[in-house]
């Protein structure tokens, strides 16, 4: 398991999410892909993974509006998270986007925020915090998808 990911190798089964989501997780670290997919699948979501921003972008284009949420790392080969978000915001459908990264320069974080990314989560993250943040994204009046024009 990746350093700093908590807590157990086999996260306990959790009650199903209030809404089952289709999530695409862009992350180049295979161990982290598997861990996050397991945590979110056990929470009742359908999770697909992509090892690079370009692969994630192609999968989103092919699926149309089929995904509810994109979770992306920042540092990835070929196309990083910020470039991915810029490409995704040019697609003809809205999607919610979260970033899960080890650390971000304040200027990079500001660019993500200006593209309508929320939340920006920091690795390491516990399974319970990750599940709670995803639930928050899709609850209440803020449930509409942000639509931000690329500049």
C-alpha atoms as a PDB file:
ATOM      1  CA  UNK A   1       0.000   0.000   0.000  1.00  0.00           C
ATOM      2  CA  UNK A   2       1.283   3.506  -0.741  1.00  0.00           C
ATOM      3  CA  UNK A   3       3.001   5.319   2.075  1.00  0.00           C
ATOM      4  CA  UNK A   4       0.671   7.475   4.111  1.00  0.00           C
ATOM      5  CA  UNK A   5      -2.560   5.835   2.969  1.00  0.00           C
ATOM      6  CA  UNK A   6      -4.592   4.809   5.933  1.00  0.00           C
ATOM      7  CA  UNK A   7      -5.630   2.789   7.773  1.00  0.00           C
ATOM      8  CA  UNK A   8      -6.057  -0.889   6.841  1.00  0.00           C
ATOM      9  CA  UNK A   9      -5.176  -3.080   3.906  1.00  0.00           C
ATOM     10  CA  UNK A  10      -8.772  -4.267   3.739  1.00  0.00           C
ATOM     11  CA  UNK A  11     -11.158  -1.368   4.444  1.00  0.00           C
ATOM     12  CA  UNK A  12     -14.341  -2.480   6.215  1.00  0.00           C
ATOM     13  CA  UNK A  13     -17.616  -2.675   4.342  1.00  0.00           C
ATOM     14  CA  UNK A  14     -19.488   0.570   4.751  1.00  0.00           C
ATOM     15  CA  UNK A  15     -23.154   1.361   4.285  1.00  0.00           C
ATOM     16  CA  UNK A  16     -23.963   2.072   0.663  1.00  0.00           C
ATOM     17  CA  UNK A  17     -23.800   5.690  -0.421  1.00  0.00           C
ATOM     18  CA  UNK A  18     -27.041   7.623  -0.542  1.00  0.00           C
ATOM     19  CA  UNK A  19     -26.562   7.700  -4.302  1.00  0.00           C
ATOM     20  CA  UNK A  20     -24.484   5.316  -6.388  1.00  0.00           C
ATOM     21  CA  UNK A  21     -22.078   7.310  -8.538  1.00  0.00           C
ATOM     22  CA  UNK A  22     -20.027   6.489 -11.598  1.00  0.00           C
ATOM     23  CA  UNK A  23     -16.536   7.764 -10.792  1.00  0.00           C
ATOM     24  CA  UNK A  24     -13.413   7.998 -12.940  1.00  0.00           C
ATOM     25  CA  UNK A  25     -10.197   8.131 -10.920  1.00  0.00           C
ATOM     26  CA  UNK A  26      -7.072   9.365 -12.750  1.00  0.00           C
ATOM     27  CA  UNK A  27      -3.955   8.300 -10.846  1.00  0.00           C
ATOM     28  CA  UNK A  28      -0.643   6.908 -12.074  1.00  0.00           C
ATOM     29  CA  UNK A  29       0.170   4.946  -8.890  1.00  0.00           C
ATOM     30  CA  UNK A  30      -1.454   1.524  -9.376  1.00  0.00           C
ATOM     31  CA  UNK A  31      -1.554   0.712  -5.644  1.00  0.00           C
ATOM     32  CA  UNK A  32      -3.435   3.928  -4.922  1.00  0.00           C
ATOM     33  CA  UNK A  33      -5.807   3.307  -7.857  1.00  0.00           C
ATOM     34  CA  UNK A  34      -6.706  -0.085  -6.381  1.00  0.00           C
ATOM     35  CA  UNK A  35      -7.066   1.238  -2.842  1.00  0.00           C
ATOM     36  CA  UNK A  36      -9.326   4.179  -3.733  1.00  0.00           C
ATOM     37  CA  UNK A  37     -11.374   2.015  -6.115  1.00  0.00           C
ATOM     38  CA  UNK A  38     -11.879  -0.548  -3.344  1.00  0.00           C
ATOM     39  CA  UNK A  39     -12.897   2.086  -0.789  1.00  0.00           C
ATOM     40  CA  UNK A  40     -15.384   3.732  -3.152  1.00  0.00           C
ATOM     41  CA  UNK A  41     -16.741   0.479  -4.568  1.00  0.00           C
ATOM     42  CA  UNK A  42     -17.451  -0.736  -1.044  1.00  0.00           C
ATOM     43  CA  UNK A  43     -19.302   2.534  -0.488  1.00  0.00           C
ATOM     44  CA  UNK A  44     -21.636   1.619  -3.362  1.00  0.00           C
ATOM     45  CA  UNK A  45     -20.045   3.476  -6.268  1.00  0.00           C
ATOM     46  CA  UNK A  46     -18.906   2.219  -9.678  1.00  0.00           C
ATOM     47  CA  UNK A  47     -15.248   3.196 -10.123  1.00  0.00           C
ATOM     48  CA  UNK A  48     -13.063   3.107 -13.211  1.00  0.00           C
ATOM     49  CA  UNK A  49      -9.400   4.081 -13.189  1.00  0.00           C
ATOM     50  CA  UNK A  50      -7.018   5.680 -15.653  1.00  0.00           C
ATOM     51  CA  UNK A  51      -3.248   5.825 -15.251  1.00  0.00           C
ATOM     52  CA  UNK A  52      -2.809   9.185 -16.985  1.00  0.00           C
ATOM     53  CA  UNK A  53      -4.717  12.361 -17.750  1.00  0.00           C
ATOM     54  CA  UNK A  54      -4.824  11.613 -21.473  1.00  0.00           C
ATOM     55  CA  UNK A  55      -6.385   8.193 -20.892  1.00  0.00           C
ATOM     56  CA  UNK A  56      -8.927   9.752 -18.520  1.00  0.00           C
ATOM     57  CA  UNK A  57      -9.778  12.462 -21.046  1.00  0.00           C
ATOM     58  CA  UNK A  58     -10.343   9.899 -23.811  1.00  0.00           C
ATOM     59  CA  UNK A  59     -12.528   7.770 -21.533  1.00  0.00           C
ATOM     60  CA  UNK A  60     -14.647  10.799 -20.564  1.00  0.00           C
ATOM     61  CA  UNK A  61     -15.052  11.824 -24.208  1.00  0.00           C
ATOM     62  CA  UNK A  62     -16.130   8.297 -25.130  1.00  0.00           C
ATOM     63  CA  UNK A  63     -18.602   8.024 -22.236  1.00  0.00           C
ATOM     64  CA  UNK A  64     -20.269  11.370 -22.857  1.00  0.00           C
ATOM     65  CA  UNK A  65     -22.123  12.438 -19.733  1.00  0.00           C
ATOM     66  CA  UNK A  66     -21.852   8.914 -18.300  1.00  0.00           C
ATOM     67  CA  UNK A  67     -19.624   9.820 -15.338  1.00  0.00           C
ATOM     68  CA  UNK A  68     -20.816  11.746 -12.292  1.00  0.00           C
ATOM     69  CA  UNK A  69     -17.388  12.559 -10.879  1.00  0.00           C
ATOM     70  CA  UNK A  70     -13.766  12.779 -11.963  1.00  0.00           C
ATOM     71  CA  UNK A  71     -11.157  12.474  -9.225  1.00  0.00           C
ATOM     72  CA  UNK A  72      -7.673  13.304 -10.439  1.00  0.00           C
ATOM     73  CA  UNK A  73      -4.160  13.370  -9.117  1.00  0.00           C
ATOM     74  CA  UNK A  74      -2.050  16.344 -10.155  1.00  0.00           C
ATOM     75  CA  UNK A  75       1.324  14.747 -10.970  1.00  0.00           C
ATOM     76  CA  UNK A  76       0.884  12.215 -13.781  1.00  0.00           C
ATOM     77  CA  UNK A  77       2.927  11.385 -16.876  1.00  0.00           C
ATOM     78  CA  UNK A  78       1.980  12.878 -20.248  1.00  0.00           C
ATOM     79  CA  UNK A  79      -1.069  14.921 -19.156  1.00  0.00           C
ATOM     80  CA  UNK A  80      -1.193  16.164 -15.556  1.00  0.00           C
ATOM     81  CA  UNK A  81      -4.338  16.832 -13.547  1.00  0.00           C
ATOM     82  CA  UNK A  82      -4.553  20.538 -14.366  1.00  0.00           C
ATOM     83  CA  UNK A  83      -4.257  19.896 -18.102  1.00  0.00           C
ATOM     84  CA  UNK A  84      -6.869  17.142 -17.776  1.00  0.00           C
ATOM     85  CA  UNK A  85      -9.309  19.482 -16.041  1.00  0.00           C
ATOM     86  CA  UNK A  86      -8.809  22.112 -18.757  1.00  0.00           C
ATOM     87  CA  UNK A  87      -9.599  19.503 -21.431  1.00  0.00           C
ATOM     88  CA  UNK A  88     -12.612  18.204 -19.524  1.00  0.00           C
ATOM     89  CA  UNK A  89     -14.065  21.687 -19.126  1.00  0.00           C
ATOM     90  CA  UNK A  90     -14.100  21.948 -22.934  1.00  0.00           C
ATOM     91  CA  UNK A  91     -16.344  18.871 -23.239  1.00  0.00           C
ATOM     92  CA  UNK A  92     -20.004  19.516 -24.111  1.00  0.00           C
ATOM     93  CA  UNK A  93     -21.321  18.204 -20.779  1.00  0.00           C
ATOM     94  CA  UNK A  94     -20.797  19.125 -17.129  1.00  0.00           C
ATOM     95  CA  UNK A  95     -19.017  16.899 -14.617  1.00  0.00           C
ATOM     96  CA  UNK A  96     -17.990  17.409 -11.023  1.00  0.00           C
ATOM     97  CA  UNK A  97     -14.254  17.238 -10.425  1.00  0.00           C
ATOM     98  CA  UNK A  98     -12.188  16.681  -7.291  1.00  0.00           C
ATOM     99  CA  UNK A  99      -8.412  16.670  -6.942  1.00  0.00           C
ATOM    100  CA  UNK A 100      -6.611  14.213  -4.671  1.00  0.00           C
ATOM    101  CA  UNK A 101      -2.946  15.217  -4.562  1.00  0.00           C
ATOM    102  CA  UNK A 102      -0.011  14.993  -2.173  1.00  0.00           C
ATOM    103  CA  UNK A 103       0.649  18.715  -2.296  1.00  0.00           C
ATOM    104  CA  UNK A 104      -0.100  21.630  -4.557  1.00  0.00           C
ATOM    105  CA  UNK A 105       1.583  24.965  -5.021  1.00  0.00           C
ATOM    106  CA  UNK A 106      -0.894  27.746  -4.098  1.00  0.00           C
ATOM    107  CA  UNK A 107      -0.831  29.067  -7.687  1.00  0.00           C
ATOM    108  CA  UNK A 108      -1.754  25.610  -9.048  1.00  0.00           C
ATOM    109  CA  UNK A 109      -4.481  25.250  -6.440  1.00  0.00           C
ATOM    110  CA  UNK A 110      -5.876  28.618  -7.497  1.00  0.00           C
ATOM    111  CA  UNK A 111      -5.982  27.473 -11.128  1.00  0.00           C
ATOM    112  CA  UNK A 112      -7.940  24.361 -10.151  1.00  0.00           C
ATOM    113  CA  UNK A 113     -10.407  26.465  -8.184  1.00  0.00           C
ATOM    114  CA  UNK A 114     -10.878  28.852 -11.106  1.00  0.00           C
ATOM    115  CA  UNK A 115     -11.850  25.830 -13.227  1.00  0.00           C
ATOM    116  CA  UNK A 116     -14.600  24.876 -10.785  1.00  0.00           C
ATOM    117  CA  UNK A 117     -12.758  22.033  -9.072  1.00  0.00           C
ATOM    118  CA  UNK A 118     -14.052  21.302  -5.598  1.00  0.00           C
ATOM    119  CA  UNK A 119     -12.923  19.817  -3.333  1.00  0.00           C
ATOM    120  CA  UNK A 120      -9.159  19.707  -3.417  1.00  0.00           C
ATOM    121  CA  UNK A 121      -8.130  16.867  -1.110  1.00  0.00           C
ATOM    122  CA  UNK A 122      -4.688  16.125   0.277  1.00  0.00           C
ATOM    123  CA  UNK A 123      -2.969  12.737   0.357  1.00  0.00           C
ATOM    124  CA  UNK A 124      -2.847  10.870   2.602  1.00  0.00           C
ATOM    125  CA  UNK A 125      -6.598  10.664   3.130  1.00  0.00           C
ATOM    126  CA  UNK A 126      -8.513   8.205   5.248  1.00  0.00           C
ATOM    127  CA  UNK A 127     -11.272   6.138   3.647  1.00  0.00           C
ATOM    128  CA  UNK A 128     -13.912   7.717   5.890  1.00  0.00           C
ATOM    129  CA  UNK A 129     -12.869  11.265   4.950  1.00  0.00           C
ATOM    130  CA  UNK A 130     -12.816  10.392   1.243  1.00  0.00           C
ATOM    131  CA  UNK A 131     -16.305   8.861   1.411  1.00  0.00           C
ATOM    132  CA  UNK A 132     -17.629  11.836   3.390  1.00  0.00           C
ATOM    133  CA  UNK A 133     -16.190  14.375   0.939  1.00  0.00           C
ATOM    134  CA  UNK A 134     -17.760  12.587  -2.009  1.00  0.00           C
ATOM    135  CA  UNK A 135     -21.117  12.502  -0.222  1.00  0.00           C
ATOM    136  CA  UNK A 136     -20.796  16.267   0.416  1.00  0.00           C
ATOM    137  CA  UNK A 137     -20.184  16.966  -3.271  1.00  0.00           C
ATOM    138  CA  UNK A 138     -23.548  15.483  -4.204  1.00  0.00           C
ATOM    139  CA  UNK A 139     -25.733  16.693  -1.333  1.00  0.00           C
ATOM    140  CA  UNK A 140     -28.077  19.616  -1.095  1.00  0.00           C
ATOM    141  CA  UNK A 141     -28.445  22.709  -3.236  1.00  0.00           C
ATOM    142  CA  UNK A 142     -24.900  22.460  -4.621  1.00  0.00           C
ATOM    143  CA  UNK A 143     -25.811  19.269  -6.454  1.00  0.00           C
ATOM    144  CA  UNK A 144     -25.883  20.897  -9.877  1.00  0.00           C
ATOM    145  CA  UNK A 145     -22.740  20.321 -11.905  1.00  0.00           C
ATOM    146  CA  UNK A 146     -20.404  23.299 -12.185  1.00  0.00           C
ATOM    147  CA  UNK A 147     -19.933  24.482 -15.702  1.00  0.00           C
ATOM    148  CA  UNK A 148     -16.842  26.568 -16.176  1.00  0.00           C
ATOM    149  CA  UNK A 149     -15.704  27.813 -19.558  1.00  0.00           C
ATOM    150  CA  UNK A 150     -12.055  27.213 -20.273  1.00  0.00           C
ATOM    151  CA  UNK A 151     -10.053  30.370 -20.698  1.00  0.00           C
END
